Each structure stands twice: as structure tokens, then as C-alpha cells.
Amino acid sequence: MAAQRDEPGMGEKIKGTVKETAGKVTGNEDTEREGEAQQKRAQKSDEAARHEEEAGRKRAEQDGHKGDQVRREN
């Protein structure tokens, strides 16, 4: 079974989806647009978190290589 990653914006995505759907059902375009915007913000937040995570892995990997270089020089 694959590990499930907790995405920080999941709650906001769900709220945005509910808001968008409520807007469609009631014919309220403002609420619909608000829900769409909320989903987009959550998606951007998730993307930023993934980029931060990736940058952290790359920094750790780079630090590991620096250690290898020091050992080779000695």
C-alpha cells in the first residue's frame, strides 16, 4: 500500500469545491467564482510546498556530496 502524503491545501480544495458547487446549484456566480479561486490558491500552496520539499531534498543531497568531497581530499 502506498504512503499517502498529507497535502496542506486539501481542506481548502474541498471547501473551494463545495463553495463552487453551491454557487452553481443556487445560481450564485460570485460564490461559484469564489470557490474556484479558493481551489486555485490551494493548488498553488500545494505546488509551493512540493517545491520546498524538493529543494530540501536537493540541499540534503548536495550536503552529502560535499562530505564525500572532503573525505576524498584527505
N, C-alpha and C. Protein backbone atom coordinates (compact mmCIF):
# COMPACT_ATOMS: atom_id res chain seq x y z
N MET A 1 0.85 -1.18 0.00
CA MET A 1 0.00 0.00 0.00
C MET A 1 0.89 1.24 0.00
N ALA A 2 0.64 2.16 -0.87
CA ALA A 2 1.45 3.38 -0.99
C ALA A 2 1.15 4.33 0.16
N ALA A 3 2.21 5.01 0.62
CA ALA A 3 2.03 6.01 1.68
C ALA A 3 1.29 7.21 1.11
N GLN A 4 0.35 7.71 1.86
CA GLN A 4 -0.42 8.86 1.42
C GLN A 4 0.18 10.13 2.01
N ARG A 5 0.47 11.09 1.16
CA ARG A 5 1.07 12.34 1.61
C ARG A 5 -0.03 13.33 1.98
N ASP A 6 0.14 13.94 3.14
CA ASP A 6 -0.83 14.93 3.59
C ASP A 6 -0.55 16.25 2.89
N GLU A 7 -1.46 16.67 2.05
CA GLU A 7 -1.27 17.92 1.32
C GLU A 7 -1.87 19.06 2.14
N PRO A 8 -1.08 20.12 2.35
CA PRO A 8 -1.53 21.21 3.20
C PRO A 8 -2.80 21.91 2.72
N GLY A 9 -3.03 21.97 1.43
CA GLY A 9 -4.18 22.68 0.90
C GLY A 9 -5.41 21.83 0.66
N MET A 10 -5.39 20.56 1.12
CA MET A 10 -6.51 19.66 0.83
C MET A 10 -7.82 20.19 1.40
N GLY A 11 -7.80 20.68 2.62
CA GLY A 11 -9.03 21.22 3.21
C GLY A 11 -9.56 22.41 2.43
N GLU A 12 -8.65 23.27 1.99
CA GLU A 12 -9.06 24.44 1.21
C GLU A 12 -9.62 24.02 -0.16
N LYS A 13 -9.03 22.98 -0.75
CA LYS A 13 -9.54 22.48 -2.03
C LYS A 13 -10.97 21.98 -1.86
N ILE A 14 -11.19 21.24 -0.79
CA ILE A 14 -12.53 20.68 -0.54
C ILE A 14 -13.53 21.81 -0.30
N LYS A 15 -13.14 22.78 0.53
CA LYS A 15 -14.05 23.91 0.79
C LYS A 15 -14.34 24.68 -0.50
N GLY A 16 -13.30 24.85 -1.33
CA GLY A 16 -13.49 25.55 -2.59
C GLY A 16 -14.44 24.80 -3.52
N THR A 17 -14.30 23.48 -3.55
CA THR A 17 -15.17 22.65 -4.39
C THR A 17 -16.62 22.75 -3.92
N VAL A 18 -16.81 22.69 -2.60
CA VAL A 18 -18.16 22.80 -2.03
C VAL A 18 -18.75 24.16 -2.37
N LYS A 19 -17.94 25.20 -2.20
CA LYS A 19 -18.41 26.57 -2.47
C LYS A 19 -18.77 26.74 -3.95
N GLU A 20 -17.91 26.21 -4.82
CA GLU A 20 -18.17 26.31 -6.26
C GLU A 20 -19.47 25.58 -6.61
N THR A 21 -19.63 24.38 -6.07
CA THR A 21 -20.84 23.60 -6.35
C THR A 21 -22.08 24.30 -5.81
N ALA A 22 -21.98 24.85 -4.60
CA ALA A 22 -23.12 25.58 -4.03
C ALA A 22 -23.49 26.77 -4.91
N GLY A 23 -22.47 27.44 -5.42
CA GLY A 23 -22.72 28.57 -6.31
C GLY A 23 -23.43 28.15 -7.58
N LYS A 24 -23.01 27.02 -8.14
CA LYS A 24 -23.66 26.51 -9.37
C LYS A 24 -25.11 26.12 -9.10
N VAL A 25 -25.32 25.42 -7.97
CA VAL A 25 -26.67 24.94 -7.65
C VAL A 25 -27.62 26.11 -7.40
N THR A 26 -27.14 27.13 -6.71
CA THR A 26 -28.01 28.25 -6.36
C THR A 26 -28.02 29.34 -7.43
N GLY A 27 -27.15 29.20 -8.42
CA GLY A 27 -27.08 30.22 -9.47
C GLY A 27 -26.34 31.47 -9.01
N ASN A 28 -25.56 31.35 -7.95
CA ASN A 28 -24.80 32.48 -7.42
C ASN A 28 -23.39 32.47 -8.02
N GLU A 29 -23.18 33.28 -9.04
CA GLU A 29 -21.91 33.29 -9.75
C GLU A 29 -20.75 33.77 -8.87
N ASP A 30 -21.03 34.70 -7.95
CA ASP A 30 -19.98 35.19 -7.05
C ASP A 30 -19.43 34.06 -6.18
N THR A 31 -20.34 33.27 -5.61
CA THR A 31 -19.92 32.14 -4.77
C THR A 31 -19.19 31.10 -5.61
N GLU A 32 -19.65 30.88 -6.80
CA GLU A 32 -19.01 29.92 -7.70
C GLU A 32 -17.56 30.36 -8.00
N ARG A 33 -17.40 31.63 -8.35
CA ARG A 33 -16.05 32.15 -8.64
C ARG A 33 -15.16 32.12 -7.41
N GLU A 34 -15.76 32.43 -6.27
CA GLU A 34 -15.01 32.40 -5.01
C GLU A 34 -14.48 30.99 -4.73
N GLY A 35 -15.30 30.00 -4.98
CA GLY A 35 -14.89 28.60 -4.80
C GLY A 35 -13.78 28.21 -5.76
N GLU A 36 -13.89 28.65 -7.00
CA GLU A 36 -12.85 28.36 -7.99
C GLU A 36 -11.52 29.00 -7.57
N ALA A 37 -11.59 30.24 -7.10
CA ALA A 37 -10.38 30.96 -6.67
C ALA A 37 -9.76 30.26 -5.46
N GLN A 38 -10.59 29.79 -4.56
CA GLN A 38 -10.10 29.12 -3.36
C GLN A 38 -9.36 27.83 -3.75
N GLN A 39 -9.90 27.11 -4.71
CA GLN A 39 -9.24 25.89 -5.18
C GLN A 39 -7.90 26.20 -5.84
N LYS A 40 -7.84 27.27 -6.62
CA LYS A 40 -6.59 27.65 -7.28
C LYS A 40 -5.53 28.05 -6.25
N ARG A 41 -5.95 28.79 -5.21
CA ARG A 41 -5.00 29.17 -4.16
C ARG A 41 -4.45 27.93 -3.45
N ALA A 42 -5.33 26.98 -3.19
CA ALA A 42 -4.90 25.74 -2.52
C ALA A 42 -3.93 24.97 -3.41
N GLN A 43 -4.19 24.95 -4.70
CA GLN A 43 -3.31 24.25 -5.63
C GLN A 43 -1.93 24.92 -5.65
N LYS A 44 -1.91 26.24 -5.69
CA LYS A 44 -0.64 26.97 -5.69
C LYS A 44 0.12 26.72 -4.38
N SER A 45 -0.59 26.65 -3.29
CA SER A 45 0.02 26.38 -1.99
C SER A 45 0.65 24.98 -1.99
N ASP A 46 -0.06 24.01 -2.54
CA ASP A 46 0.47 22.65 -2.64
C ASP A 46 1.72 22.60 -3.52
N GLU A 47 1.67 23.32 -4.64
CA GLU A 47 2.82 23.36 -5.55
C GLU A 47 4.03 23.96 -4.84
N ALA A 48 3.82 25.03 -4.10
CA ALA A 48 4.91 25.68 -3.37
C ALA A 48 5.49 24.72 -2.33
N ALA A 49 4.63 23.99 -1.64
CA ALA A 49 5.10 23.04 -0.64
C ALA A 49 5.92 21.92 -1.29
N ARG A 50 5.48 21.45 -2.46
CA ARG A 50 6.23 20.42 -3.17
C ARG A 50 7.59 20.94 -3.60
N HIS A 51 7.64 22.18 -4.08
CA HIS A 51 8.91 22.77 -4.49
C HIS A 51 9.85 22.93 -3.30
N GLU A 52 9.31 23.34 -2.16
CA GLU A 52 10.13 23.48 -0.95
C GLU A 52 10.68 22.11 -0.53
N GLU A 53 9.83 21.10 -0.60
CA GLU A 53 10.24 19.75 -0.24
C GLU A 53 11.36 19.26 -1.16
N GLU A 54 11.19 19.49 -2.44
CA GLU A 54 12.19 19.09 -3.42
C GLU A 54 13.51 19.84 -3.20
N ALA A 55 13.42 21.13 -2.92
CA ALA A 55 14.62 21.93 -2.67
C ALA A 55 15.34 21.41 -1.43
N GLY A 56 14.60 21.04 -0.42
CA GLY A 56 15.20 20.49 0.80
C GLY A 56 15.93 19.19 0.52
N ARG A 57 15.32 18.33 -0.30
CA ARG A 57 15.98 17.07 -0.67
C ARG A 57 17.26 17.34 -1.44
N LYS A 58 17.20 18.29 -2.36
CA LYS A 58 18.38 18.61 -3.16
C LYS A 58 19.49 19.21 -2.31
N ARG A 59 19.10 20.06 -1.33
CA ARG A 59 20.11 20.62 -0.42
C ARG A 59 20.77 19.52 0.40
N ALA A 60 19.96 18.59 0.88
CA ALA A 60 20.50 17.48 1.67
C ALA A 60 21.42 16.62 0.81
N GLU A 61 21.02 16.37 -0.42
CA GLU A 61 21.84 15.59 -1.34
C GLU A 61 23.16 16.30 -1.61
N GLN A 62 23.08 17.61 -1.83
CA GLN A 62 24.28 18.39 -2.10
C GLN A 62 25.20 18.38 -0.88
N ASP A 63 24.64 18.50 0.31
CA ASP A 63 25.44 18.44 1.53
C ASP A 63 26.14 17.10 1.65
N GLY A 64 25.46 16.03 1.24
CA GLY A 64 26.06 14.70 1.26
C GLY A 64 27.24 14.61 0.32
N HIS A 65 27.13 15.23 -0.83
CA HIS A 65 28.22 15.22 -1.80
C HIS A 65 29.41 16.04 -1.30
N LYS A 66 29.14 17.11 -0.59
CA LYS A 66 30.23 17.92 -0.03
C LYS A 66 31.02 17.08 0.96
N GLY A 67 30.34 16.26 1.73
CA GLY A 67 31.03 15.38 2.67
C GLY A 67 31.91 14.38 1.95
N ASP A 68 31.44 13.85 0.82
CA ASP A 68 32.24 12.91 0.03
C ASP A 68 33.50 13.60 -0.48
N GLN A 69 33.36 14.83 -0.91
CA GLN A 69 34.48 15.58 -1.46
C GLN A 69 35.55 15.80 -0.39
N VAL A 70 35.15 16.13 0.80
CA VAL A 70 36.09 16.37 1.90
C VAL A 70 36.84 15.08 2.22
N ARG A 71 36.15 13.95 2.24
CA ARG A 71 36.81 12.67 2.55
C ARG A 71 37.83 12.32 1.47
N ARG A 72 37.52 12.59 0.21
CA ARG A 72 38.44 12.29 -0.88
C ARG A 72 39.68 13.15 -0.83
N GLU A 73 39.53 14.38 -0.37
CA GLU A 73 40.66 15.30 -0.33
C GLU A 73 41.65 14.91 0.76
N ASN A 74 41.20 14.24 1.80
CA ASN A 74 42.07 13.88 2.93
C ASN A 74 42.83 12.66 2.63
